[in-house]
Protein backbone atom coordinates (compact mmCIF):
# COMPACT_ATOMS: atom_id res chain seq x y z
CA MET A 1 12.52 -17.03 15.03
CA LYS A 2 11.36 -14.56 17.66
CA THR A 3 10.01 -11.25 16.37
CA GLU A 4 10.75 -8.20 18.51
CA ILE A 5 8.92 -4.86 18.37
CA VAL A 6 11.09 -1.92 19.38
CA SER A 7 10.48 1.81 19.72
CA ALA A 8 11.74 4.52 17.41
CA GLN A 9 14.54 5.21 19.90
CA GLU A 10 16.06 1.80 19.14
CA CYS A 11 16.78 2.26 15.43
CA ALA A 12 20.37 1.12 16.04
CA LYS A 13 19.09 -2.46 16.30
CA ALA A 14 17.48 -2.15 12.88
CA ILE A 15 20.62 -0.68 11.33
CA SER A 16 22.77 -3.44 12.79
CA LEU A 17 20.49 -6.19 11.47
CA LEU A 18 20.34 -4.61 8.01
CA ARG A 19 24.14 -4.47 7.88
CA GLU A 20 24.18 -8.17 8.72
CA GLY A 21 21.94 -8.94 5.74
CA GLU A 22 18.70 -9.37 7.70
CA VAL A 23 15.23 -7.95 7.03
CA VAL A 24 13.54 -5.39 9.27
CA ALA A 25 10.03 -3.89 9.21
CA LEU A 26 10.09 -0.09 9.20
CA PRO A 27 7.37 2.56 9.07
CA THR A 28 7.09 4.77 6.01
CA GLU A 29 4.63 7.60 5.43
CA THR A 30 2.54 5.24 3.24
CA VAL A 31 2.49 1.76 4.84
CA TYR A 32 5.02 -0.29 6.82
CA GLY A 33 7.78 -1.71 4.64
CA LEU A 34 9.88 -4.87 4.94
CA ALA A 35 13.38 -3.54 4.36
CA ALA A 36 16.59 -5.20 3.23
CA ASP A 37 19.82 -3.97 1.66
CA ALA A 38 18.80 -3.56 -1.98
CA LEU A 39 22.32 -4.30 -3.24
CA ASN A 40 22.63 -7.58 -1.28
CA PRO A 41 20.83 -10.35 -3.22
CA ASP A 42 20.94 -12.74 -0.25
CA ALA A 43 19.20 -10.18 1.95
CA VAL A 44 16.57 -9.44 -0.69
CA VAL A 45 15.80 -13.17 -0.98
CA LYS A 46 14.73 -13.05 2.68
CA VAL A 47 12.13 -10.38 1.82
CA PHE A 48 10.55 -12.66 -0.77
CA GLU A 49 10.65 -15.62 1.62
CA ALA A 50 9.12 -13.76 4.58
CA LYS A 51 6.32 -12.31 2.43
CA GLN A 52 5.88 -15.45 0.31
CA ARG A 53 6.10 -13.06 -2.62
CA PRO A 54 6.51 -14.40 -6.16
CA HIS A 55 9.83 -13.47 -7.74
CA PHE A 56 8.17 -12.01 -10.83
CA ASP A 57 6.89 -9.05 -8.77
CA PRO A 58 9.57 -6.29 -8.61
CA LEU A 59 10.44 -4.27 -5.51
CA ILE A 60 10.73 -0.55 -4.84
CA VAL A 61 14.20 0.71 -3.92
CA HIS A 62 14.31 3.50 -1.30
CA LEU A 63 17.22 5.95 -1.44
CA PRO A 64 19.17 7.52 1.45
CA ILE A 65 19.61 10.81 -0.48
CA PRO A 66 18.35 12.00 -3.89
CA GLU A 67 21.86 11.93 -5.37
CA ALA A 68 21.99 8.16 -4.77
CA SER A 69 19.57 7.74 -7.68
CA ASP A 70 22.53 8.00 -10.07
CA GLU A 71 24.11 4.95 -8.42
CA ILE A 72 21.25 2.61 -9.28
CA ALA A 73 19.36 4.29 -12.14
CA ILE A 74 19.82 6.27 -15.35
CA VAL A 75 18.01 9.54 -14.73
CA GLU A 76 17.90 11.67 -17.89
CA SER A 77 14.32 12.97 -18.17
CA LYS A 78 13.85 16.65 -17.26
CA VAL A 79 10.28 15.88 -16.20
CA ALA A 80 11.52 13.13 -13.86
CA HIS A 81 14.03 15.54 -12.31
CA LYS A 82 11.23 18.03 -11.66
CA LEU A 83 9.10 15.31 -10.05
CA MET A 84 11.98 14.30 -7.82
CA GLY A 85 12.53 17.91 -6.79
CA LYS A 86 8.84 18.37 -5.94
CA PHE A 87 7.82 15.06 -4.36
CA TRP A 88 11.02 13.59 -2.86
CA PRO A 89 11.09 12.72 -0.07
CA GLY A 90 7.49 11.61 -0.30
CA PRO A 91 5.01 9.03 -1.61
CA LEU A 92 6.05 9.04 -5.29
CA THR A 93 7.89 6.13 -6.93
CA ILE A 94 9.48 6.67 -10.35
CA ILE A 95 10.51 3.93 -12.80
CA PHE A 96 13.94 4.42 -14.41
CA PRO A 97 16.30 2.34 -16.57
CA LYS A 98 18.46 0.48 -14.07
CA ARG A 99 22.21 0.25 -13.68
CA ALA A 100 24.02 -3.08 -13.50
CA ILE A 101 24.66 -2.71 -9.76
CA VAL A 102 20.98 -3.48 -8.98
CA PRO A 103 20.48 -7.24 -8.49
CA GLU A 104 18.03 -8.87 -10.89
CA ILE A 105 16.00 -10.28 -7.99
CA VAL A 106 15.08 -6.70 -7.02
CA THR A 107 13.76 -5.83 -10.49
CA ALA A 108 12.31 -9.29 -11.34
CA GLY A 109 14.74 -9.42 -14.26
CA LEU A 110 13.46 -6.17 -15.79
CA ASP A 111 15.78 -3.53 -17.21
CA THR A 112 14.05 -0.89 -15.08
CA VAL A 113 14.02 -0.15 -11.35
CA ALA A 114 11.35 1.48 -9.17
CA VAL A 115 12.86 4.23 -6.98
CA ARG A 116 11.62 6.54 -4.25
CA MET A 117 12.63 8.38 -1.06
CA SER A 118 10.55 7.94 2.06
CA ALA A 119 9.60 11.04 4.07
CA HIS A 120 9.12 9.12 7.34
CA PRO A 121 11.69 10.30 9.92
CA ILE A 122 12.42 6.77 11.20
CA PHE A 123 12.90 5.29 7.75
CA ARG A 124 15.04 8.27 6.72
CA GLU A 125 17.23 7.93 9.83
CA VAL A 126 17.82 4.24 9.19
CA VAL A 127 18.55 4.48 5.45
CA ARG A 128 20.83 7.55 5.83
CA GLU A 129 22.81 5.92 8.64
CA LEU A 130 23.09 2.71 6.62
CA LYS A 131 24.23 4.68 3.54
CA ARG A 132 22.76 1.97 1.33
CA PRO A 133 19.52 1.83 -0.70
CA LEU A 134 16.79 -0.34 0.84
CA ALA A 135 14.35 -2.60 -0.98
CA ALA A 136 11.12 -2.30 1.01
CA PRO A 137 7.79 -3.70 -0.17
CA SER A 138 4.83 -3.67 2.22
CA ALA A 139 5.46 -5.72 5.38
CA ASN A 140 2.66 -8.28 4.99
CA ARG A 141 2.03 -11.67 3.43
CA PHE A 142 1.85 -11.38 -0.34
CA GLY A 143 -1.55 -10.32 -1.67
CA ARG A 144 -2.93 -9.49 1.77
CA ILE A 145 -4.02 -6.22 3.38
CA SER A 146 -1.14 -3.76 3.69
CA PRO A 147 -0.03 -2.92 7.26
CA THR A 148 -0.36 0.57 8.68
CA THR A 149 0.73 -0.17 12.28
CA ALA A 150 3.49 -2.22 13.89
CA GLN A 151 0.85 -4.58 15.31
CA HIS A 152 -0.44 -5.28 11.79
CA VAL A 153 3.09 -6.32 10.80
CA PHE A 154 3.41 -8.53 13.86
CA ASP A 155 0.08 -10.21 13.11
CA GLU A 156 1.26 -10.96 9.56
CA LEU A 157 4.94 -11.79 9.96
CA SER A 158 5.56 -12.81 13.58
CA GLY A 159 8.11 -15.62 13.61
CA ARG A 160 9.24 -14.80 10.08
CA ILE A 161 11.31 -11.63 10.68
CA PRO A 162 13.53 -10.58 13.60
CA LEU A 163 12.54 -6.95 14.18
CA ILE A 164 9.75 -4.37 13.77
CA VAL A 165 10.37 -0.70 14.52
CA ASP A 166 7.18 0.89 15.86
CA GLY A 167 6.62 4.36 14.45
CA GLY A 168 2.90 4.55 15.16
CA ALA A 169 0.19 4.62 12.51
CA THR A 170 1.28 5.65 9.02
CA GLU A 171 0.24 9.03 7.61
CA HIS A 172 -1.22 8.19 4.20
CA GLY A 173 -2.31 4.59 4.85
CA ILE A 174 -2.01 3.64 1.17
CA GLU A 175 0.98 2.76 -1.00
CA SER A 176 2.96 5.26 -3.04
CA THR A 177 1.98 6.48 -6.49
CA ILE A 178 4.12 4.83 -9.19
CA VAL A 179 4.88 6.62 -12.46
CA GLN A 180 7.09 6.30 -15.49
CA VAL A 181 8.05 9.23 -17.72
CA ALA A 182 7.96 8.50 -21.44
CA ASP A 183 8.27 11.14 -24.19
CA ASP A 184 7.64 13.91 -21.64
CA THR A 185 4.38 12.22 -20.62
CA ILE A 186 3.77 10.90 -17.11
CA GLU A 187 2.32 7.38 -17.18
CA VAL A 188 0.60 6.39 -13.94
CA LEU A 189 1.24 2.73 -13.17
CA ARG A 190 -0.28 2.71 -9.66
CA ARG A 191 -2.39 5.43 -8.11
CA GLY A 192 -1.55 6.69 -4.64
CA PRO A 193 -1.24 9.82 -2.47
CA VAL A 194 0.30 11.87 -5.30
CA THR A 195 -2.77 12.31 -7.49
CA ASP A 196 -3.17 12.85 -11.23
CA ASP A 197 -4.08 16.50 -10.64
CA MET A 198 -0.85 17.04 -8.70
CA LEU A 199 1.19 15.48 -11.52
CA ARG A 200 -0.45 17.52 -14.29
CA GLU A 201 1.50 20.57 -13.15
CA PHE A 202 4.59 18.95 -14.71
CA ALA A 203 3.40 17.17 -17.87
CA GLU A 204 0.52 15.42 -19.59
CA VAL A 205 -0.74 12.51 -17.45
CA ARG A 206 -2.15 9.24 -18.71
CA THR A 207 -2.94 5.90 -17.10
CA ARG A 208 -0.98 3.00 -18.56
CA PRO A 209 -3.30 0.19 -19.75
CA SER A 210 -3.04 -3.12 -17.92
CA GLY A 211 -0.58 -5.59 -19.36
CA ASP A 212 2.87 -6.89 -18.44
CA ILE A 213 3.98 -6.28 -14.85
CA ILE A 214 6.64 -3.55 -14.86
CA ALA A 215 6.08 -2.18 -11.35
CA PRO A 216 4.84 -3.33 -7.91
CA GLY A 217 1.09 -3.38 -7.23
CA GLN A 218 -0.03 -4.20 -10.79
CA LEU A 219 -1.41 -7.70 -10.19
CA PRO A 220 -5.18 -7.98 -10.85
CA SER A 221 -5.74 -9.60 -7.43
CA HIS A 222 -4.05 -7.93 -4.46
CA TYR A 223 -4.59 -6.20 -1.07
CA ALA A 224 -7.22 -8.83 -0.21
CA PRO A 225 -8.72 -9.77 3.19
CA THR A 226 -9.24 -13.42 4.08
CA LYS A 227 -13.02 -12.89 4.00
CA PRO A 228 -14.80 -12.46 0.64
CA LEU A 229 -15.10 -8.79 -0.25
CA TYR A 230 -18.13 -7.48 -2.17
CA LEU A 231 -17.86 -4.03 -3.75
CA VAL A 232 -21.01 -1.90 -4.10
CA ASP A 233 -21.98 1.67 -4.96
CA ASP A 234 -24.54 1.93 -2.14
CA ALA A 235 -24.82 -0.43 0.84
CA GLU A 236 -28.53 0.28 1.20
CA SER A 237 -29.16 -1.59 -2.06
CA PHE A 238 -27.25 -4.70 -0.90
CA SER A 239 -29.22 -7.84 0.03
CA PRO A 240 -27.42 -10.45 2.15
CA ALA A 241 -28.19 -14.14 1.87
CA PRO A 242 -30.28 -15.69 4.67
CA ASN A 243 -28.35 -15.97 7.94
CA GLN A 244 -25.31 -14.33 6.36
CA ARG A 245 -23.16 -12.27 8.74
CA CYS A 246 -21.96 -9.21 6.86
CA GLY A 247 -19.61 -6.41 7.78
CA LEU A 248 -19.67 -2.99 6.15
CA LEU A 249 -16.91 -0.56 5.28
CA ALA A 250 -19.03 2.51 4.60
CA TRP A 251 -18.46 5.74 2.74
CA LYS A 252 -21.96 7.10 2.14
CA ALA A 253 -24.39 8.29 4.76
CA SER A 254 -27.74 6.51 4.84
CA LYS A 255 -30.92 8.21 3.70
CA SER A 256 -31.82 8.70 7.36
CA GLY A 257 -28.73 10.84 7.84
CA GLY A 258 -26.33 8.46 9.58
CA PHE A 259 -24.19 5.78 8.01
CA PRO A 260 -25.86 2.48 7.03
CA THR A 261 -26.60 0.05 9.83
CA ALA A 262 -29.02 -2.38 8.19
CA VAL A 263 -30.05 -3.70 4.81
CA SER A 264 -32.61 -6.26 3.74
CA SER A 265 -34.22 -7.55 0.60
CA ALA A 266 -37.33 -7.95 2.76
CA ARG A 267 -37.42 -4.16 3.19
CA ARG A 268 -37.96 -3.67 -0.52
CA SER A 269 -40.78 -6.21 -0.55
CA GLY A 270 -42.66 -4.31 2.17
CA ASP A 271 -41.42 -6.17 5.26
CA ARG A 272 -40.39 -3.57 7.88
CA ARG A 273 -37.86 -5.91 9.44
CA SER A 274 -34.21 -5.25 8.64
CA LEU A 275 -31.01 -7.23 8.98
CA ALA A 276 -28.26 -5.23 10.68
CA PHE A 277 -24.66 -5.45 9.57
CA ALA A 278 -22.81 -7.42 12.22
CA ALA A 279 -19.95 -4.88 12.17
CA VAL A 280 -19.59 -1.43 10.59
CA ARG A 281 -16.64 0.89 10.02
CA ARG A 282 -16.99 4.37 8.50
CA LEU A 283 -14.05 5.47 6.34
CA SER A 284 -14.53 9.14 7.15
CA GLU A 285 -17.19 10.86 9.20
CA LYS A 286 -16.22 14.11 7.45
CA GLN A 287 -16.40 12.56 3.97
CA ASP A 288 -12.70 13.40 3.61
CA LEU A 289 -10.89 11.21 1.06
CA ARG A 290 -7.46 11.74 2.64
CA GLU A 291 -8.84 10.56 5.99
CA ALA A 292 -10.52 7.64 4.23
CA ALA A 293 -7.20 6.59 2.68
CA ALA A 294 -5.45 6.74 6.05
CA ASN A 295 -8.19 4.57 7.62
CA PHE A 296 -8.76 2.20 4.70
CA PHE A 297 -6.38 -0.72 5.32
CA ARG A 298 -6.74 -0.53 9.13
CA MET A 299 -10.52 -0.71 9.02
CA LEU A 300 -10.52 -3.43 6.38
CA ARG A 301 -8.19 -5.45 8.60
CA GLU A 302 -10.47 -4.88 11.62
CA LEU A 303 -13.47 -6.20 9.70
CA ASP A 304 -11.43 -9.14 8.45
CA ASN A 305 -10.77 -10.09 12.09
CA GLU A 306 -14.51 -10.09 12.93
CA ASP A 307 -16.72 -13.20 12.83
CA LEU A 308 -18.15 -12.47 9.39
CA ASP A 309 -19.08 -14.34 6.24
CA LEU A 310 -18.67 -11.37 3.92
CA ILE A 311 -17.32 -7.81 3.89
CA VAL A 312 -19.32 -5.24 1.93
CA VAL A 313 -17.45 -2.09 0.87
CA GLU A 314 -18.86 1.07 -0.68
CA ARG A 315 -16.89 2.66 -3.51
CA VAL A 316 -15.61 6.16 -2.82
CA PRO A 317 -15.72 9.05 -5.31
CA GLU A 318 -13.34 8.49 -8.23
CA GLU A 319 -11.45 11.73 -7.65
CA GLY A 320 -8.08 12.62 -6.15
CA ILE A 321 -6.83 9.89 -3.80
CA GLY A 322 -10.27 8.26 -4.05
CA ALA A 323 -9.13 6.77 -7.38
CA ALA A 324 -6.28 5.04 -5.53
CA ILE A 325 -8.66 3.66 -2.87
CA ASN A 326 -11.00 2.30 -5.54
CA ASP A 327 -8.04 0.73 -7.36
CA ARG A 328 -7.16 -1.24 -4.20
CA LEU A 329 -10.82 -2.20 -3.73
CA ARG A 330 -11.13 -3.56 -7.26
CA ARG A 331 -8.03 -5.70 -6.78
CA ALA A 332 -9.23 -6.94 -3.37
CA ALA A 333 -12.82 -7.66 -4.39
CA THR A 334 -14.26 -11.13 -4.83
CA ASN A 335 -16.90 -9.94 -7.30
């Protein structure tokens, strides 16, 4: 199969393919999604096949309009209605009891369905013209780094899907927040651009303990590069093995004022020599967590494409969207 990348002005090709039961990669405001008609089981099967995704991992269903939620879900919670009014369209996914119209392959056999509305103008144009809900997980091989550009999708899925619509780099660069409302409490199942502080305006917020998979993005190992990833608090305390080529995804500035360029166990023993990182990316020069989230997957992918033995990543502050970045890092880490 030949994979074509088209511009935003050629959305008609995407709509036509989706109507024919094919899969198409589309930009959202979070990451690129691999879309298929959510009510067509045969089309949804192609999503799982292209991604090599296990069937026990449910998909998010994207709506054309908010009112379409009643077609696929039972929406009774007042808190959920308030969340929809505030954050839709946008990067918030809500878990609801599902209606019988939703194929079991979409929900991995669960009696709930994950629902959201994308704010990206291209995705919104396609789904509104189609007038059908779209199942759209991230457009990458299962468990790998999520794609934030059309080229990332092509690198992952070329020859496996027919079409990619290029909408440029995504805004948030990290997947949507997933929540479930229970007893007027918001349970956070996956952190994302809509932070705990933003949700607390509407109800008590708690993080659901790990356990059975009831939503996408809950597997303990996910978002991983092909290179081993080592997670640290401070890169300047990291000691590579002899002759080990290491890359660095940095958050902190070094003690000399710039970002880290070299580390060495020999330094701590008095040897003035230092071993430079073979490649370095800085998540945000301004120490801005929103900018770091937008850069995160792209820079991790760039380091993964370098000639390296290991990727070292510094944790970011566990606040706001930083908690979502650290969640992805923990799932991607080798250690």
